[in-house]
């Protein structure tokens, strides 16, 4: 799927663009009638943080982000899914 991509100056980290980019993706998906629930969002290790994983999970998607240079194991996604309601309540 193609979606608008937010841009920033060269000296700004890509990670700050994730919230805006995720919102743009969700908007385009809604407009064309695509359900993103259960879809994988693939990102490199530079996006690996609890905040980013939570944001993607709360969007109904599965974060597939390289962790410390190694792919994240599927069991972590399943554990995150089971803890989802509790994560959403955390500040």
Protein backbone atom coordinates (compact mmCIF):
# COMPACT_ATOMS: atom_id res chain seq x y z
CA UNK A 1 0.00 0.00 0.00
CA UNK A 2 1.21 3.50 -0.75
CA UNK A 3 0.56 6.26 1.76
CA UNK A 4 1.74 9.84 2.25
CA UNK A 5 5.14 9.95 3.87
CA UNK A 6 6.03 12.74 6.27
CA UNK A 7 9.39 14.35 5.63
CA UNK A 8 11.90 16.06 7.90
CA UNK A 9 15.29 17.75 7.59
CA UNK A 10 18.24 15.45 6.97
CA UNK A 11 19.58 15.98 10.49
CA UNK A 12 16.34 14.82 12.16
CA UNK A 13 15.98 11.17 13.16
CA UNK A 14 13.41 9.09 11.25
CA UNK A 15 11.97 7.78 14.50
CA UNK A 16 10.23 11.11 15.19
CA UNK A 17 8.26 10.65 11.96
CA UNK A 18 6.64 7.37 13.02
CA UNK A 19 3.55 8.80 14.76
CA UNK A 20 2.73 11.07 11.81
CA UNK A 21 3.51 8.33 9.27
CA UNK A 22 1.36 5.78 11.10
CA UNK A 23 -1.55 8.23 11.18
CA UNK A 24 -1.17 8.85 7.43
CA UNK A 25 -1.11 5.10 6.76
CA UNK A 26 -4.26 4.54 8.83
CA UNK A 27 -6.04 7.41 7.07
CA UNK A 28 -5.27 6.08 3.59
CA UNK A 29 -6.21 2.53 4.60
CA UNK A 30 -9.55 3.78 5.92
CA UNK A 31 -10.22 5.81 2.76
CA UNK A 32 -9.63 2.82 0.48
CA UNK A 33 -11.32 0.30 2.77
CA UNK A 34 -8.27 -1.72 3.81
CA UNK A 35 -8.30 -3.26 7.28
CA UNK A 36 -4.84 -3.02 8.86
CA UNK A 37 -5.72 -5.13 11.92
CA UNK A 38 -3.29 -8.02 12.12
CA UNK A 39 -0.99 -6.59 9.43
CA UNK A 40 2.75 -6.57 10.07
CA UNK A 41 4.56 -3.24 10.13
CA UNK A 42 8.22 -3.89 9.29
CA UNK A 43 10.78 -1.41 10.61
CA UNK A 44 14.51 -1.49 11.27
CA UNK A 45 16.14 -1.52 14.69
CA UNK A 46 16.29 2.28 14.85
CA UNK A 47 12.56 2.21 15.63
CA UNK A 48 12.87 -0.37 18.42
CA UNK A 49 11.30 1.09 21.55
CA UNK A 50 8.45 0.18 23.86
CA UNK A 51 6.67 3.40 22.84
CA UNK A 52 6.81 2.57 19.12
CA UNK A 53 5.76 -1.05 19.65
CA UNK A 54 2.83 0.10 21.79
CA UNK A 55 1.78 2.67 19.18
CA UNK A 56 1.80 0.05 16.41
CA UNK A 57 0.05 -2.52 18.58
CA UNK A 58 -2.65 0.00 19.57
CA UNK A 59 -3.22 0.63 15.85
CA UNK A 60 -4.14 -3.06 15.59
CA UNK A 61 -0.98 -3.99 13.75
CA UNK A 62 1.88 -6.33 14.62
CA UNK A 63 5.26 -4.62 15.00
CA UNK A 64 8.07 -6.48 13.23
CA UNK A 65 11.10 -4.52 14.38
CA UNK A 66 14.66 -5.81 14.55
CA UNK A 67 15.70 -5.93 18.20
CA UNK A 68 19.38 -5.49 19.00
CA UNK A 69 20.29 -6.63 15.50
CA UNK A 70 18.17 -9.82 15.65
CA UNK A 71 14.57 -10.40 14.50
CA UNK A 72 12.05 -10.38 17.34
CA UNK A 73 10.64 -13.81 18.16
CA UNK A 74 6.93 -14.41 17.47
CA UNK A 75 6.33 -15.36 21.12
CA UNK A 76 7.04 -11.75 22.06
CA UNK A 77 4.25 -10.61 19.74
CA UNK A 78 1.87 -13.11 21.30
CA UNK A 79 2.81 -11.95 24.80
CA UNK A 80 2.35 -8.33 23.72
CA UNK A 81 -1.07 -9.17 22.27
CA UNK A 82 -2.12 -10.78 25.55
CA UNK A 83 -0.86 -7.78 27.54
CA UNK A 84 -2.35 -5.25 25.10
CA UNK A 85 -5.17 -3.94 27.30
CA UNK A 86 -2.77 -3.47 30.22
CA UNK A 87 -0.19 -1.70 28.00
CA UNK A 88 -2.82 0.70 26.71
CA UNK A 89 -3.54 1.80 30.29
CA UNK A 90 0.10 2.55 31.11
CA UNK A 91 1.17 6.21 30.91
